[in-house]
PDB file of N, CA and C in Angstrom:
ATOM      1  N   MET A   1     -41.255  34.373   6.927  1.00  0.00           N
ATOM      2  CA  MET A   1     -41.825  33.208   6.384  1.00  0.00           C
ATOM      3  C   MET A   1     -43.210  33.540   5.763  1.00  0.00           C
ATOM      4  N   LEU A   2     -43.915  34.126   6.476  1.00  0.00           N
ATOM      5  CA  LEU A   2     -45.310  34.496   6.114  1.00  0.00           C
ATOM      6  C   LEU A   2     -45.392  35.259   4.764  1.00  0.00           C
ATOM      7  N   LYS A   3     -44.364  36.059   4.481  1.00  0.00           N
ATOM      8  CA  LYS A   3     -44.402  36.951   3.566  1.00  0.00           C
ATOM      9  C   LYS A   3     -44.159  36.010   2.219  1.00  0.00           C
ATOM     10  N   SER A   4     -43.755  34.940   2.205  1.00  0.00           N
ATOM     11  CA  SER A   4     -43.478  34.064   1.140  1.00  0.00           C
ATOM     12  C   SER A   4     -44.759  33.311   0.608  1.00  0.00           C
ATOM     13  N   GLY A   5     -45.906  33.301   1.590  1.00  0.00           N
ATOM     14  CA  GLY A   5     -46.868  32.777   1.384  1.00  0.00           C
ATOM     15  C   GLY A   5     -47.128  31.514   2.269  1.00  0.00           C
ATOM     16  N   LEU A   6     -46.317  31.096   2.931  1.00  0.00           N
ATOM     17  CA  LEU A   6     -46.301  29.830   3.786  1.00  0.00           C
ATOM     18  C   LEU A   6     -47.136  30.055   5.103  1.00  0.00           C
ATOM     19  N   ILE A   7     -47.850  28.943   5.525  1.00  0.00           N
ATOM     20  CA  ILE A   7     -48.435  29.081   6.811  1.00  0.00           C
ATOM     21  C   ILE A   7     -47.717  28.408   7.809  1.00  0.00           C
ATOM     22  N   ARG A   8     -47.506  29.210   8.931  1.00  0.00           N
ATOM     23  CA  ARG A   8     -46.732  28.637  10.102  1.00  0.00           C
ATOM     24  C   ARG A   8     -47.649  27.459  10.870  1.00  0.00           C
ATOM     25  N   ILE A   9     -47.031  26.213  10.986  1.00  0.00           N
ATOM     26  CA  ILE A   9     -47.641  25.235  11.558  1.00  0.00           C
ATOM     27  C   ILE A   9     -47.153  25.330  13.142  1.00  0.00           C
ATOM     28  N   ASP A  10     -48.122  25.378  13.928  1.00  0.00           N
ATOM     29  CA  ASP A  10     -48.037  25.403  15.180  1.00  0.00           C
ATOM     30  C   ASP A  10     -47.433  24.232  15.982  1.00  0.00           C
ATOM     31  N   LYS A  11     -48.074  23.142  15.778  1.00  0.00           N
ATOM     32  CA  LYS A  11     -47.861  21.914  16.504  1.00  0.00           C
ATOM     33  C   LYS A  11     -47.367  20.791  15.480  1.00  0.00           C
ATOM     34  N   ILE A  12     -46.207  20.193  15.626  1.00  0.00           N
ATOM     35  CA  ILE A  12     -45.562  19.241  15.074  1.00  0.00           C
ATOM     36  C   ILE A  12     -45.310  17.947  15.748  1.00  0.00           C
ATOM     37  N   TYR A  13     -45.887  16.980  15.101  1.00  0.00           N
ATOM     38  CA  TYR A  13     -46.004  15.755  15.969  1.00  0.00           C
ATOM     39  C   TYR A  13     -45.093  14.672  15.122  1.00  0.00           C
ATOM     40  N   SER A  14     -44.228  13.916  15.633  1.00  0.00           N
ATOM     41  CA  SER A  14     -43.320  12.746  15.151  1.00  0.00           C
ATOM     42  C   SER A  14     -43.852  11.503  15.624  1.00  0.00           C
ATOM     43  N   GLY A  15     -43.692  10.457  15.006  1.00  0.00           N
ATOM     44  CA  GLY A  15     -44.095   9.019  15.251  1.00  0.00           C
ATOM     45  C   GLY A  15     -45.210   8.557  14.520  1.00  0.00           C
ATOM     46  N   TYR A  16     -45.739   7.518  15.113  1.00  0.00           N
ATOM     47  CA  TYR A  16     -46.971   6.893  14.359  1.00  0.00           C
ATOM     48  C   TYR A  16     -48.220   6.943  15.291  1.00  0.00           C
ATOM     49  N   ARG A  17     -49.360   6.609  14.970  1.00  0.00           N
ATOM     50  CA  ARG A  17     -50.646   6.994  15.613  1.00  0.00           C
ATOM     51  C   ARG A  17     -50.668   6.608  17.046  1.00  0.00           C
ATOM     52  N   ASN A  18     -50.220   5.323  17.581  1.00  0.00           N
ATOM     53  CA  ASN A  18     -50.207   5.004  18.993  1.00  0.00           C
ATOM     54  C   ASN A  18     -49.010   5.547  19.490  1.00  0.00           C
ATOM     55  N   SER A  19     -47.931   6.081  18.992  1.00  0.00           N
ATOM     56  CA  SER A  19     -47.009   6.745  19.758  1.00  0.00           C
ATOM     57  C   SER A  19     -46.448   7.965  19.234  1.00  0.00           C
ATOM     58  N   GLU A  20     -47.404   8.839  18.754  1.00  0.00           N
ATOM     59  CA  GLU A  20     -46.953  10.353  18.554  1.00  0.00           C
ATOM     60  C   GLU A  20     -46.546  11.176  19.686  1.00  0.00           C
ATOM     61  N   VAL A  21     -45.835  11.941  19.420  1.00  0.00           N
ATOM     62  CA  VAL A  21     -44.991  12.659  20.348  1.00  0.00           C
ATOM     63  C   VAL A  21     -44.969  14.093  19.931  1.00  0.00           C
ATOM     64  N   GLU A  22     -45.267  15.113  20.517  1.00  0.00           N
ATOM     65  CA  GLU A  22     -45.131  16.555  20.015  1.00  0.00           C
ATOM     66  C   GLU A  22     -43.812  16.927  19.974  1.00  0.00           C
ATOM     67  N   TYR A  23     -43.296  17.477  18.928  1.00  0.00           N
ATOM     68  CA  TYR A  23     -41.908  17.765  18.493  1.00  0.00           C
ATOM     69  C   TYR A  23     -41.551  19.206  18.747  1.00  0.00           C
ATOM     70  N   LYS A  24     -40.874  19.746  19.880  1.00  0.00           N
ATOM     71  CA  LYS A  24     -40.930  21.065  20.216  1.00  0.00           C
ATOM     72  C   LYS A  24     -39.645  21.720  19.639  1.00  0.00           C
ATOM     73  N   ASN A  25     -38.622  21.080  19.314  1.00  0.00           N
ATOM     74  CA  ASN A  25     -37.345  21.729  18.904  1.00  0.00           C
ATOM     75  C   ASN A  25     -37.359  21.949  17.346  1.00  0.00           C
ATOM     76  N   ALA A  26     -38.449  22.205  16.693  1.00  0.00           N
ATOM     77  CA  ALA A  26     -38.504  22.459  15.309  1.00  0.00           C
ATOM     78  C   ALA A  26     -39.685  23.443  15.077  1.00  0.00           C
ATOM     79  N   LYS A  27     -39.526  24.352  13.913  1.00  0.00           N
ATOM     80  CA  LYS A  27     -40.534  25.133  13.323  1.00  0.00           C
ATOM     81  C   LYS A  27     -41.144  24.717  12.048  1.00  0.00           C
ATOM     82  N   ALA A  28     -42.254  24.746  11.720  1.00  0.00           N
ATOM     83  CA  ALA A  28     -42.507  24.421  10.452  1.00  0.00           C
ATOM     84  C   ALA A  28     -43.404  25.218   9.661  1.00  0.00           C
ATOM     85  N   PHE A  29     -43.346  25.268   8.482  1.00  0.00           N
ATOM     86  CA  PHE A  29     -44.112  26.082   7.544  1.00  0.00           C
ATOM     87  C   PHE A  29     -44.643  25.402   6.448  1.00  0.00           C
ATOM     88  N   GLY A  30     -45.712  25.677   5.772  1.00  0.00           N
ATOM     89  CA  GLY A  30     -46.128  25.126   4.596  1.00  0.00           C
ATOM     90  C   GLY A  30     -47.564  25.144   4.273  1.00  0.00           C
ATOM     91  N   SER A  31     -48.201  24.156   3.763  1.00  0.00           N
ATOM     92  CA  SER A  31     -49.544  23.786   3.447  1.00  0.00           C
ATOM     93  C   SER A  31     -49.985  22.364   3.841  1.00  0.00           C
ATOM     94  N   LYS A  32     -51.299  21.877   3.310  1.00  0.00           N
ATOM     95  CA  LYS A  32     -51.595  20.714   3.717  1.00  0.00           C
ATOM     96  C   LYS A  32     -51.004  19.585   2.603  1.00  0.00           C
ATOM     97  N   ASN A  33     -50.218  20.157   1.645  1.00  0.00           N
ATOM     98  CA  ASN A  33     -49.487  19.312   0.702  1.00  0.00           C
ATOM     99  C   ASN A  33     -47.907  19.394   1.050  1.00  0.00           C
ATOM    100  N   PHE A  34     -47.242  20.166   1.809  1.00  0.00           N
ATOM    101  CA  PHE A  34     -45.898  20.283   1.973  1.00  0.00           C
ATOM    102  C   PHE A  34     -45.575  20.903   3.311  1.00  0.00           C
ATOM    103  N   GLY A  35     -44.439  20.536   3.696  1.00  0.00           N
ATOM    104  CA  GLY A  35     -43.983  21.178   5.038  1.00  0.00           C
ATOM    105  C   GLY A  35     -42.411  21.453   4.688  1.00  0.00           C
ATOM    106  N   ILE A  36     -42.005  22.441   5.429  1.00  0.00           N
ATOM    107  CA  ILE A  36     -40.542  22.878   5.659  1.00  0.00           C
ATOM    108  C   ILE A  36     -40.371  22.834   6.972  1.00  0.00           C
ATOM    109  N   PHE A  37     -39.526  22.102   7.573  1.00  0.00           N
ATOM    110  CA  PHE A  37     -39.435  21.869   8.963  1.00  0.00           C
ATOM    111  C   PHE A  37     -37.829  22.374   9.370  1.00  0.00           C
ATOM    112  N   ILE A  38     -37.733  23.086  10.301  1.00  0.00           N
ATOM    113  CA  ILE A  38     -36.315  23.752  10.595  1.00  0.00           C
ATOM    114  C   ILE A  38     -36.115  23.252  12.068  1.00  0.00           C
ATOM    115  N   GLU A  39     -35.157  22.542  12.352  1.00  0.00           N
ATOM    116  CA  GLU A  39     -34.777  22.044  13.744  1.00  0.00           C
ATOM    117  C   GLU A  39     -33.536  22.918  14.067  1.00  0.00           C
ATOM    118  N   SER A  40     -33.770  23.659  15.394  1.00  0.00           N
ATOM    119  CA  SER A  40     -32.580  24.437  15.706  1.00  0.00           C
ATOM    120  C   SER A  40     -32.348  23.996  17.316  1.00  0.00           C
ATOM    121  N   GLU A  41     -31.176  24.391  17.721  1.00  0.00           N
ATOM    122  CA  GLU A  41     -30.841  24.386  19.175  1.00  0.00           C
ATOM    123  C   GLU A  41     -30.013  25.461  19.409  1.00  0.00           C
ATOM    124  N   GLU A  42     -30.417  26.193  20.446  1.00  0.00           N
ATOM    125  CA  GLU A  42     -29.568  27.524  20.962  1.00  0.00           C
ATOM    126  C   GLU A  42     -29.316  28.367  19.898  1.00  0.00           C
ATOM    127  N   SER A  43     -30.438  28.679  19.173  1.00  0.00           N
ATOM    128  CA  SER A  43     -30.203  29.670  17.705  1.00  0.00           C
ATOM    129  C   SER A  43     -29.411  29.214  16.702  1.00  0.00           C
ATOM    130  N   ILE A  44     -29.032  28.013  16.660  1.00  0.00           N
ATOM    131  CA  ILE A  44     -28.120  27.282  15.720  1.00  0.00           C
ATOM    132  C   ILE A  44     -29.104  26.098  14.944  1.00  0.00           C
ATOM    133  N   ILE A  45     -29.228  26.513  13.462  1.00  0.00           N
ATOM    134  CA  ILE A  45     -29.921  25.451  12.806  1.00  0.00           C
ATOM    135  C   ILE A  45     -29.157  24.139  12.737  1.00  0.00           C
ATOM    136  N   LYS A  46     -29.991  22.994  13.046  1.00  0.00           N
ATOM    137  CA  LYS A  46     -29.474  21.740  13.041  1.00  0.00           C
ATOM    138  C   LYS A  46     -29.744  21.034  11.697  1.00  0.00           C
ATOM    139  N   ASN A  47     -31.022  21.166  11.430  1.00  0.00           N
ATOM    140  CA  ASN A  47     -31.698  20.370  10.274  1.00  0.00           C
ATOM    141  C   ASN A  47     -32.465  21.188   9.540  1.00  0.00           C
ATOM    142  N   ILE A  48     -32.733  21.080   8.257  1.00  0.00           N
ATOM    143  CA  ILE A  48     -33.890  21.591   7.725  1.00  0.00           C
ATOM    144  C   ILE A  48     -34.192  20.461   6.657  1.00  0.00           C
ATOM    145  N   TRP A  49     -35.560  20.017   6.632  1.00  0.00           N
ATOM    146  CA  TRP A  49     -36.010  19.066   5.884  1.00  0.00           C
ATOM    147  C   TRP A  49     -37.220  19.265   5.237  1.00  0.00           C
ATOM    148  N   LEU A  50     -37.839  18.575   4.171  1.00  0.00           N
ATOM    149  CA  LEU A  50     -39.022  18.877   3.543  1.00  0.00           C
ATOM    150  C   LEU A  50     -39.896  17.656   3.375  1.00  0.00           C
ATOM    151  N   VAL A  51     -41.047  18.053   3.462  1.00  0.00           N
ATOM    152  CA  VAL A  51     -41.944  16.721   3.260  1.00  0.00           C
ATOM    153  C   VAL A  51     -42.999  17.333   2.178  1.00  0.00           C
ATOM    154  N   LEU A  52     -43.044  16.545   1.111  1.00  0.00           N
ATOM    155  CA  LEU A  52     -43.806  17.082  -0.252  1.00  0.00           C
ATOM    156  C   LEU A  52     -44.871  15.521  -0.512  1.00  0.00           C
ATOM    157  N   TYR A  53     -46.103  16.262  -0.823  1.00  0.00           N
ATOM    158  CA  TYR A  53     -47.215  15.269  -1.261  1.00  0.00           C
ATOM    159  C   TYR A  53     -47.981  15.929  -2.441  1.00  0.00           C
ATOM    160  N   LYS A  54     -47.737  15.703  -3.566  1.00  0.00           N
ATOM    161  CA  LYS A  54     -48.515  16.022  -4.593  1.00  0.00           C
ATOM    162  C   LYS A  54     -48.746  17.517  -4.598  1.00  0.00           C
ATOM    163  N   ILE A  55     -47.794  18.435  -4.715  1.00  0.00           N
ATOM    164  CA  ILE A  55     -47.839  19.881  -4.729  1.00  0.00           C
ATOM    165  C   ILE A  55     -48.211  20.237  -6.073  1.00  0.00           C
ATOM    166  N   ASP A  56     -49.067  21.295  -6.208  1.00  0.00           N
ATOM    167  CA  ASP A  56     -49.726  21.921  -7.402  1.00  0.00           C
ATOM    168  C   ASP A  56     -48.681  23.244  -7.589  1.00  0.00           C
ATOM    169  N   VAL A  57     -49.109  24.000  -8.625  1.00  0.00           N
ATOM    170  CA  VAL A  57     -48.254  25.222  -9.184  1.00  0.00           C
ATOM    171  C   VAL A  57     -48.144  26.072  -8.101  1.00  0.00           C
ATOM    172  N   GLU A  58     -49.368  26.661  -7.555  1.00  0.00           N
ATOM    173  CA  GLU A  58     -49.242  27.464  -6.170  1.00  0.00           C
ATOM    174  C   GLU A  58     -48.487  26.867  -5.190  1.00  0.00           C
ATOM    175  N   ASP A  59     -48.386  25.846  -4.719  1.00  0.00           N
ATOM    176  CA  ASP A  59     -47.782  25.247  -3.651  1.00  0.00           C
ATOM    177  C   ASP A  59     -46.217  25.368  -4.241  1.00  0.00           C
ATOM    178  N   LYS A  60     -45.922  24.835  -5.283  1.00  0.00           N
ATOM    179  CA  LYS A  60     -44.438  25.064  -5.747  1.00  0.00           C
ATOM    180  C   LYS A  60     -43.875  26.382  -5.501  1.00  0.00           C
ATOM    181  N   LYS A  61     -44.784  27.437  -5.955  1.00  0.00           N
ATOM    182  CA  LYS A  61     -44.388  28.903  -5.910  1.00  0.00           C
ATOM    183  C   LYS A  61     -44.107  29.160  -4.440  1.00  0.00           C
ATOM    184  N   ARG A  62     -45.132  28.628  -3.521  1.00  0.00           N
ATOM    185  CA  ARG A  62     -44.724  29.074  -2.165  1.00  0.00           C
ATOM    186  C   ARG A  62     -43.844  28.294  -1.578  1.00  0.00           C
ATOM    187  N   LEU A  63     -43.417  27.144  -1.999  1.00  0.00           N
ATOM    188  CA  LEU A  63     -42.275  26.380  -1.323  1.00  0.00           C
ATOM    189  C   LEU A  63     -40.910  27.070  -1.925  1.00  0.00           C
ATOM    190  N   ILE A  64     -40.784  27.576  -3.215  1.00  0.00           N
ATOM    191  CA  ILE A  64     -39.479  28.247  -3.746  1.00  0.00           C
ATOM    192  C   ILE A  64     -39.372  29.367  -3.046  1.00  0.00           C
ATOM    193  N   ASN A  65     -40.506  30.350  -2.844  1.00  0.00           N
ATOM    194  CA  ASN A  65     -40.323  31.475  -2.084  1.00  0.00           C
ATOM    195  C   ASN A  65     -39.755  31.238  -0.615  1.00  0.00           C
ATOM    196  N   GLY A  66     -40.380  30.228   0.002  1.00  0.00           N
ATOM    197  CA  GLY A  66     -40.036  29.888   1.338  1.00  0.00           C
ATOM    198  C   GLY A  66     -38.646  29.645   1.423  1.00  0.00           C
ATOM    199  N   LEU A  67     -38.147  28.773   0.560  1.00  0.00           N
ATOM    200  CA  LEU A  67     -36.855  28.257   0.529  1.00  0.00           C
ATOM    201  C   LEU A  67     -35.733  29.634   0.272  1.00  0.00           C
ATOM    202  N   ILE A  68     -36.219  30.307  -0.597  1.00  0.00           N
ATOM    203  CA  ILE A  68     -35.339  31.596  -0.873  1.00  0.00           C
ATOM    204  C   ILE A  68     -35.277  32.453   0.479  1.00  0.00           C
ATOM    205  N   SER A  69     -36.422  32.498   1.208  1.00  0.00           N
ATOM    206  CA  SER A  69     -36.528  33.314   2.417  1.00  0.00           C
ATOM    207  C   SER A  69     -35.615  32.852   3.487  1.00  0.00           C
ATOM    208  N   ILE A  70     -35.855  31.283   3.441  1.00  0.00           N
ATOM    209  CA  ILE A  70     -34.791  30.831   4.442  1.00  0.00           C
ATOM    210  C   ILE A  70     -33.392  30.891   4.204  1.00  0.00           C
ATOM    211  N   GLY A  71     -33.212  30.664   3.118  1.00  0.00           N
ATOM    212  CA  GLY A  71     -31.641  30.843   2.572  1.00  0.00           C
ATOM    213  C   GLY A  71     -31.048  32.450   2.700  1.00  0.00           C
ATOM    214  N   THR A  72     -31.945  33.425   2.490  1.00  0.00           N
ATOM    215  CA  THR A  72     -31.455  34.554   2.750  1.00  0.00           C
ATOM    216  C   THR A  72     -31.509  34.992   3.968  1.00  0.00           C
ATOM    217  N   LYS A  73     -32.610  34.758   5.012  1.00  0.00           N
ATOM    218  CA  LYS A  73     -32.512  35.012   6.353  1.00  0.00           C
ATOM    219  C   LYS A  73     -31.186  34.384   7.082  1.00  0.00           C
ATOM    220  N   TRP A  74     -30.913  33.221   6.874  1.00  0.00           N
ATOM    221  CA  TRP A  74     -29.678  32.647   7.612  1.00  0.00           C
ATOM    222  C   TRP A  74     -28.604  32.458   6.702  1.00  0.00           C
ATOM    223  N   ASN A  75     -28.569  32.874   5.576  1.00  0.00           N
ATOM    224  CA  ASN A  75     -27.395  32.761   4.659  1.00  0.00           C
ATOM    225  C   ASN A  75     -27.100  31.484   4.462  1.00  0.00           C
ATOM    226  N   LEU A  76     -27.834  30.505   3.983  1.00  0.00           N
ATOM    227  CA  LEU A  76     -27.596  29.141   3.671  1.00  0.00           C
ATOM    228  C   LEU A  76     -27.768  29.003   2.115  1.00  0.00           C
ATOM    229  N   ILE A  77     -27.049  27.638   1.935  1.00  0.00           N
ATOM    230  CA  ILE A  77     -27.369  27.099   0.445  1.00  0.00           C
ATOM    231  C   ILE A  77     -27.953  25.906   0.490  1.00  0.00           C
ATOM    232  N   LEU A  78     -28.602  25.566  -0.509  1.00  0.00           N
ATOM    233  CA  LEU A  78     -29.607  24.353  -0.560  1.00  0.00           C
ATOM    234  C   LEU A  78     -28.831  23.428  -1.561  1.00  0.00           C
ATOM    235  N   ILE A  79     -28.649  22.222  -0.906  1.00  0.00           N
ATOM    236  CA  ILE A  79     -27.861  20.958  -1.554  1.00  0.00           C
ATOM    237  C   ILE A  79     -28.997  19.914  -1.980  1.00  0.00           C
ATOM    238  N   ASP A  80     -29.142  19.533  -3.225  1.00  0.00           N
ATOM    239  CA  ASP A  80     -30.047  18.197  -3.566  1.00  0.00           C
ATOM    240  C   ASP A  80     -29.013  17.470  -3.674  1.00  0.00           C
ATOM    241  N   TRP A  81     -29.246  16.308  -2.566  1.00  0.00           N
ATOM    242  CA  TRP A  81     -28.231  15.326  -2.501  1.00  0.00           C
ATOM    243  C   TRP A  81     -28.406  14.307  -3.538  1.00  0.00           C
ATOM    244  N   ASP A  82     -29.641  14.004  -4.163  1.00  0.00           N
ATOM    245  CA  ASP A  82     -29.793  13.225  -5.313  1.00  0.00           C
ATOM    246  C   ASP A  82     -29.393  13.694  -6.613  1.00  0.00           C
ATOM    247  N   LEU A  83     -29.246  15.023  -6.770  1.00  0.00           N
ATOM    248  CA  LEU A  83     -28.822  15.595  -8.036  1.00  0.00           C
ATOM    249  C   LEU A  83     -27.425  15.810  -7.787  1.00  0.00           C
ATOM    250  N   THR A  84     -26.807  15.739  -6.484  1.00  0.00           N
ATOM    251  CA  THR A  84     -25.443  16.342  -6.381  1.00  0.00           C
ATOM    252  C   THR A  84     -25.139  17.759  -6.932  1.00  0.00           C
ATOM    253  N   GLU A  85     -26.368  18.653  -6.412  1.00  0.00           N
ATOM    254  CA  GLU A  85     -26.336  20.007  -6.983  1.00  0.00           C
ATOM    255  C   GLU A  85     -26.391  20.902  -5.883  1.00  0.00           C
ATOM    256  N   ALA A  86     -25.548  22.147  -5.710  1.00  0.00           N
ATOM    257  CA  ALA A  86     -25.761  23.101  -4.740  1.00  0.00           C
ATOM    258  C   ALA A  86     -26.630  24.230  -5.463  1.00  0.00           C
ATOM    259  N   PHE A  87     -27.451  24.997  -4.523  1.00  0.00           N
ATOM    260  CA  PHE A  87     -28.021  26.226  -4.833  1.00  0.00           C
ATOM    261  C   PHE A  87     -27.849  27.368  -4.048  1.00  0.00           C
ATOM    262  N   ASP A  88     -27.587  28.372  -4.517  1.00  0.00           N
ATOM    263  CA  ASP A  88     -27.478  29.592  -3.777  1.00  0.00           C
ATOM    264  C   ASP A  88     -28.619  30.336  -3.799  1.00  0.00           C
TER     265      ASP A  88
END
């Protein structure tokens, strides 16, 4: 993932200010404006989700490269549920 230009995010927290809990079943990569989160259990990917916030052109390139890297490494396709399209 680092080859794609994404930064590994070491600590992931879920919840709100008073009830934040460290989330240990996921890996995350991204920047201050977006993140790709990969949740796995016993080497099986359970979920992948994106968090985006005002990404610029460089972030968009890193995001695309990161998604391609994930898809290639684990032989996955991307489904955009809003557009009802699949991308290999």
